[in-house]
Amino acid sequence: MPIALGGFTLVVIKLLFLLVFMVVGAGFAIINDAPVVVDLYFITPQLPLSLLLLLALGFGIALGGLAGMVYFMRVKKENADLKRKTRLVSEEVKNLRAMPIKGR
């Protein structure tokens, strides 16, 4: 049986998790401040390791969100097509029921 939490309690729990992750992230950034050279063929910037990992995480989240959005749009279109087909079939059944039966 799931535990029912009020909306306010859920918000507080989410904010506490966010605060914990921010503190852990800040500690991670402080520990990993060594500069790293990144070779990008044309340029070779020197960035702190924590910033480089944060950028990689950000690009991964953005690409994952884009892939999810493409999937969502495809499913949404398929759902609209199925609703249209359902409406057409329902109208056809309604018309067939309204037709008089010949031969009786």
N, C-alpha and C. Protein backbone atom coordinates (compact mmCIF):
# COMPACT_ATOMS: atom_id res chain seq x y z
N MET A 1 0.84 -1.18 0.00
CA MET A 1 0.00 0.00 0.00
C MET A 1 0.89 1.24 0.00
N PRO A 2 0.74 2.14 -0.99
CA PRO A 2 1.61 3.32 -1.05
C PRO A 2 1.30 4.29 0.09
N ILE A 3 2.32 5.00 0.49
CA ILE A 3 2.17 5.98 1.56
C ILE A 3 1.71 7.29 0.94
N ALA A 4 0.61 7.84 1.43
CA ALA A 4 0.08 9.10 0.90
C ALA A 4 0.75 10.25 1.63
N LEU A 5 1.40 11.11 0.87
CA LEU A 5 2.04 12.28 1.44
C LEU A 5 1.33 13.52 0.92
N GLY A 6 1.24 14.51 1.75
CA GLY A 6 0.65 15.76 1.31
C GLY A 6 1.55 16.46 0.32
N GLY A 7 0.98 17.39 -0.44
CA GLY A 7 1.75 18.12 -1.44
C GLY A 7 2.90 18.89 -0.83
N PHE A 8 2.66 19.52 0.32
CA PHE A 8 3.71 20.30 0.98
C PHE A 8 4.85 19.41 1.44
N THR A 9 4.55 18.26 2.01
CA THR A 9 5.57 17.33 2.49
C THR A 9 6.43 16.84 1.33
N LEU A 10 5.80 16.55 0.20
CA LEU A 10 6.54 16.08 -0.97
C LEU A 10 7.48 17.17 -1.49
N VAL A 11 7.04 18.41 -1.47
CA VAL A 11 7.89 19.52 -1.91
C VAL A 11 9.10 19.66 -0.99
N VAL A 12 8.88 19.54 0.31
CA VAL A 12 9.98 19.64 1.27
C VAL A 12 10.99 18.51 1.06
N ILE A 13 10.50 17.30 0.82
CA ILE A 13 11.40 16.17 0.57
C ILE A 13 12.22 16.40 -0.69
N LYS A 14 11.58 16.89 -1.75
CA LYS A 14 12.30 17.17 -3.00
C LYS A 14 13.35 18.25 -2.78
N LEU A 15 13.02 19.28 -2.04
CA LEU A 15 13.99 20.34 -1.77
C LEU A 15 15.16 19.83 -0.94
N LEU A 16 14.90 18.94 0.01
CA LEU A 16 15.99 18.36 0.80
C LEU A 16 16.92 17.52 -0.07
N PHE A 17 16.33 16.71 -0.98
CA PHE A 17 17.17 15.93 -1.91
C PHE A 17 17.99 16.85 -2.79
N LEU A 18 17.39 17.93 -3.27
CA LEU A 18 18.11 18.89 -4.11
C LEU A 18 19.25 19.52 -3.33
N LEU A 19 19.00 19.88 -2.07
CA LEU A 19 20.04 20.47 -1.24
C LEU A 19 21.19 19.49 -1.01
N VAL A 20 20.87 18.24 -0.75
CA VAL A 20 21.91 17.22 -0.55
C VAL A 20 22.75 17.07 -1.83
N PHE A 21 22.09 16.98 -2.99
CA PHE A 21 22.83 16.85 -4.24
C PHE A 21 23.68 18.08 -4.53
N MET A 22 23.20 19.26 -4.18
CA MET A 22 23.99 20.48 -4.39
C MET A 22 25.22 20.49 -3.51
N VAL A 23 25.08 20.06 -2.27
CA VAL A 23 26.23 20.02 -1.35
C VAL A 23 27.25 18.99 -1.84
N VAL A 24 26.78 17.82 -2.25
CA VAL A 24 27.69 16.80 -2.78
C VAL A 24 28.37 17.31 -4.05
N GLY A 25 27.61 17.97 -4.92
CA GLY A 25 28.18 18.52 -6.15
C GLY A 25 29.22 19.60 -5.87
N ALA A 26 28.95 20.46 -4.90
CA ALA A 26 29.92 21.50 -4.54
C ALA A 26 31.19 20.87 -3.97
N GLY A 27 31.04 19.85 -3.14
CA GLY A 27 32.21 19.15 -2.61
C GLY A 27 33.00 18.48 -3.72
N PHE A 28 32.30 17.90 -4.67
CA PHE A 28 32.95 17.28 -5.83
C PHE A 28 33.73 18.31 -6.63
N ALA A 29 33.13 19.50 -6.83
CA ALA A 29 33.81 20.55 -7.59
C ALA A 29 35.05 21.05 -6.86
N ILE A 30 34.99 21.13 -5.54
CA ILE A 30 36.15 21.60 -4.77
C ILE A 30 37.28 20.57 -4.82
N ILE A 31 36.93 19.28 -4.73
CA ILE A 31 37.95 18.23 -4.75
C ILE A 31 38.60 18.11 -6.13
N ASN A 32 37.83 18.23 -7.19
CA ASN A 32 38.32 18.02 -8.56
C ASN A 32 38.53 19.34 -9.28
N ASP A 33 39.43 20.15 -8.79
CA ASP A 33 39.67 21.45 -9.43
C ASP A 33 40.95 21.46 -10.28
N ALA A 34 41.56 20.30 -10.49
CA ALA A 34 42.78 20.21 -11.29
C ALA A 34 42.47 20.52 -12.75
N PRO A 35 43.32 21.31 -13.40
CA PRO A 35 43.08 21.62 -14.82
C PRO A 35 43.35 20.41 -15.71
N VAL A 36 42.51 20.27 -16.75
CA VAL A 36 42.62 19.18 -17.70
C VAL A 36 42.64 19.78 -19.09
N VAL A 37 43.56 19.31 -19.93
CA VAL A 37 43.64 19.79 -21.31
C VAL A 37 42.77 18.88 -22.17
N VAL A 38 41.86 19.49 -22.94
CA VAL A 38 40.94 18.76 -23.80
C VAL A 38 41.31 19.07 -25.25
N ASP A 39 41.63 18.05 -26.04
CA ASP A 39 41.99 18.24 -27.44
C ASP A 39 40.74 18.10 -28.30
N LEU A 40 40.29 19.22 -28.88
CA LEU A 40 39.10 19.24 -29.74
C LEU A 40 39.48 19.47 -31.20
N TYR A 41 40.57 18.93 -31.65
CA TYR A 41 41.11 19.03 -33.01
C TYR A 41 41.57 20.45 -33.34
N PHE A 42 40.67 21.43 -33.25
CA PHE A 42 41.03 22.79 -33.65
C PHE A 42 41.53 23.63 -32.49
N ILE A 43 40.99 23.38 -31.32
CA ILE A 43 41.42 24.11 -30.12
C ILE A 43 41.68 23.11 -29.01
N THR A 44 42.51 23.55 -28.07
CA THR A 44 42.80 22.69 -26.91
C THR A 44 42.62 23.52 -25.64
N PRO A 45 41.37 23.64 -25.17
CA PRO A 45 41.15 24.43 -23.94
C PRO A 45 41.61 23.68 -22.70
N GLN A 46 41.96 24.45 -21.70
CA GLN A 46 42.36 23.88 -20.42
C GLN A 46 41.25 24.24 -19.42
N LEU A 47 40.51 23.22 -18.97
CA LEU A 47 39.35 23.42 -18.11
C LEU A 47 39.54 22.64 -16.82
N PRO A 48 38.92 23.11 -15.74
CA PRO A 48 38.93 22.30 -14.51
C PRO A 48 38.14 21.01 -14.75
N LEU A 49 38.57 19.94 -14.13
CA LEU A 49 37.94 18.64 -14.31
C LEU A 49 36.46 18.67 -13.94
N SER A 50 36.13 19.38 -12.87
CA SER A 50 34.72 19.44 -12.44
C SER A 50 33.86 20.13 -13.49
N LEU A 51 34.37 21.20 -14.11
CA LEU A 51 33.62 21.89 -15.16
C LEU A 51 33.47 21.02 -16.39
N LEU A 52 34.51 20.29 -16.74
CA LEU A 52 34.45 19.40 -17.89
C LEU A 52 33.41 18.29 -17.67
N LEU A 53 33.40 17.71 -16.48
CA LEU A 53 32.41 16.68 -16.18
C LEU A 53 31.00 17.26 -16.14
N LEU A 54 30.85 18.47 -15.63
CA LEU A 54 29.55 19.12 -15.60
C LEU A 54 29.05 19.40 -17.02
N LEU A 55 29.94 19.84 -17.90
CA LEU A 55 29.56 20.07 -19.30
C LEU A 55 29.16 18.77 -19.99
N ALA A 56 29.92 17.71 -19.74
CA ALA A 56 29.58 16.41 -20.34
C ALA A 56 28.22 15.92 -19.83
N LEU A 57 27.96 16.09 -18.54
CA LEU A 57 26.67 15.71 -17.97
C LEU A 57 25.55 16.55 -18.59
N GLY A 58 25.78 17.84 -18.74
CA GLY A 58 24.78 18.73 -19.34
C GLY A 58 24.46 18.35 -20.77
N PHE A 59 25.51 18.06 -21.56
CA PHE A 59 25.27 17.63 -22.96
C PHE A 59 24.53 16.30 -23.00
N GLY A 60 24.87 15.40 -22.09
CA GLY A 60 24.16 14.12 -22.04
C GLY A 60 22.70 14.28 -21.69
N ILE A 61 22.40 15.16 -20.74
CA ILE A 61 21.02 15.41 -20.37
C ILE A 61 20.27 16.05 -21.53
N ALA A 62 20.91 17.01 -22.22
CA ALA A 62 20.26 17.68 -23.35
C ALA A 62 19.99 16.69 -24.49
N LEU A 63 20.96 15.84 -24.82
CA LEU A 63 20.76 14.86 -25.88
C LEU A 63 19.71 13.82 -25.50
N GLY A 64 19.71 13.40 -24.25
CA GLY A 64 18.69 12.47 -23.77
C GLY A 64 17.30 13.09 -23.81
N GLY A 65 17.20 14.35 -23.43
CA GLY A 65 15.93 15.06 -23.51
C GLY A 65 15.44 15.20 -24.94
N LEU A 66 16.36 15.48 -25.85
CA LEU A 66 15.99 15.60 -27.26
C LEU A 66 15.50 14.26 -27.80
N ALA A 67 16.20 13.19 -27.47
CA ALA A 67 15.77 11.86 -27.91
C ALA A 67 14.41 11.51 -27.31
N GLY A 68 14.19 11.83 -26.06
CA GLY A 68 12.91 11.58 -25.42
C GLY A 68 11.80 12.39 -26.05
N MET A 69 12.11 13.63 -26.43
CA MET A 69 11.11 14.49 -27.06
C MET A 69 10.71 13.95 -28.43
N VAL A 70 11.68 13.46 -29.19
CA VAL A 70 11.38 12.87 -30.50
C VAL A 70 10.48 11.66 -30.33
N TYR A 71 10.79 10.80 -29.37
CA TYR A 71 9.97 9.62 -29.09
C TYR A 71 8.56 10.04 -28.66
N PHE A 72 8.48 11.02 -27.78
CA PHE A 72 7.19 11.50 -27.29
C PHE A 72 6.34 12.05 -28.44
N MET A 73 6.95 12.81 -29.33
CA MET A 73 6.19 13.38 -30.46
C MET A 73 5.69 12.26 -31.38
N ARG A 74 6.50 11.24 -31.59
CA ARG A 74 6.08 10.12 -32.44
C ARG A 74 4.91 9.37 -31.80
N VAL A 75 4.97 9.14 -30.51
CA VAL A 75 3.88 8.45 -29.82
C VAL A 75 2.62 9.32 -29.81
N LYS A 76 2.80 10.62 -29.65
CA LYS A 76 1.66 11.54 -29.66
C LYS A 76 0.97 11.53 -31.02
N LYS A 77 1.74 11.50 -32.10
CA LYS A 77 1.17 11.45 -33.45
C LYS A 77 0.44 10.13 -33.66
N GLU A 78 1.05 9.03 -33.21
CA GLU A 78 0.42 7.72 -33.34
C GLU A 78 -0.90 7.68 -32.56
N ASN A 79 -0.91 8.27 -31.38
CA ASN A 79 -2.12 8.32 -30.57
C ASN A 79 -3.22 9.12 -31.28
N ALA A 80 -2.85 10.25 -31.89
CA ALA A 80 -3.84 11.05 -32.62
C ALA A 80 -4.39 10.27 -33.81
N ASP A 81 -3.53 9.54 -34.52
CA ASP A 81 -3.98 8.72 -35.65
C ASP A 81 -4.95 7.63 -35.19
N LEU A 82 -4.64 6.99 -34.07
CA LEU A 82 -5.51 5.94 -33.55
C LEU A 82 -6.86 6.51 -33.09
N LYS A 83 -6.84 7.70 -32.49
CA LYS A 83 -8.10 8.33 -32.08
C LYS A 83 -8.96 8.65 -33.31
N ARG A 84 -8.31 9.13 -34.37
CA ARG A 84 -9.04 9.44 -35.60
C ARG A 84 -9.65 8.16 -36.18
N LYS A 85 -8.88 7.09 -36.24
CA LYS A 85 -9.39 5.83 -36.76
C LYS A 85 -10.54 5.30 -35.90
N THR A 86 -10.42 5.44 -34.59
CA THR A 86 -11.48 5.00 -33.69
C THR A 86 -12.76 5.79 -33.94
N ARG A 87 -12.63 7.09 -34.13
CA ARG A 87 -13.79 7.92 -34.41
C ARG A 87 -14.45 7.51 -35.72
N LEU A 88 -13.65 7.24 -36.76
CA LEU A 88 -14.21 6.83 -38.05
C LEU A 88 -14.93 5.49 -37.94
N VAL A 89 -14.33 4.54 -37.24
CA VAL A 89 -14.96 3.22 -37.08
C VAL A 89 -16.24 3.35 -36.28
N SER A 90 -16.22 4.17 -35.25
CA SER A 90 -17.41 4.37 -34.43
C SER A 90 -18.54 4.98 -35.25
N GLU A 91 -18.22 5.94 -36.11
CA GLU A 91 -19.23 6.54 -36.99
C GLU A 91 -19.78 5.51 -37.98
N GLU A 92 -18.90 4.65 -38.50
CA GLU A 92 -19.33 3.62 -39.43
C GLU A 92 -20.27 2.61 -38.76
N VAL A 93 -19.96 2.20 -37.54
CA VAL A 93 -20.82 1.29 -36.79
C VAL A 93 -22.17 1.96 -36.52
N LYS A 94 -22.15 3.21 -36.17
CA LYS A 94 -23.40 3.95 -35.92
C LYS A 94 -24.24 4.00 -37.19
N ASN A 95 -23.62 4.26 -38.35
CA ASN A 95 -24.35 4.31 -39.62
C ASN A 95 -24.90 2.93 -39.99
N LEU A 96 -24.12 1.88 -39.74
CA LEU A 96 -24.59 0.53 -40.05
C LEU A 96 -25.78 0.13 -39.17
N ARG A 97 -25.79 0.54 -37.95
CA ARG A 97 -26.90 0.23 -37.05
C ARG A 97 -28.17 0.97 -37.45
N ALA A 98 -27.99 2.13 -38.04
CA ALA A 98 -29.16 2.95 -38.44
C ALA A 98 -29.77 2.48 -39.75
N MET A 99 -29.03 1.67 -40.54
CA MET A 99 -29.55 1.20 -41.81
C MET A 99 -30.65 0.17 -41.60
N PRO A 100 -31.72 0.24 -42.43
CA PRO A 100 -32.78 -0.79 -42.31
C PRO A 100 -32.29 -2.12 -42.84
N ILE A 101 -32.77 -3.18 -42.27
CA ILE A 101 -32.38 -4.53 -42.69
C ILE A 101 -33.30 -4.95 -43.84
N LYS A 102 -32.72 -5.28 -44.97
CA LYS A 102 -33.50 -5.67 -46.14
C LYS A 102 -33.68 -7.19 -46.13
N GLY A 103 -34.82 -7.64 -46.63
CA GLY A 103 -35.05 -9.07 -46.76
C GLY A 103 -35.85 -9.62 -45.60
N ARG A 104 -36.35 -8.82 -44.73
CA ARG A 104 -37.16 -9.33 -43.62
C ARG A 104 -38.56 -8.86 -43.75
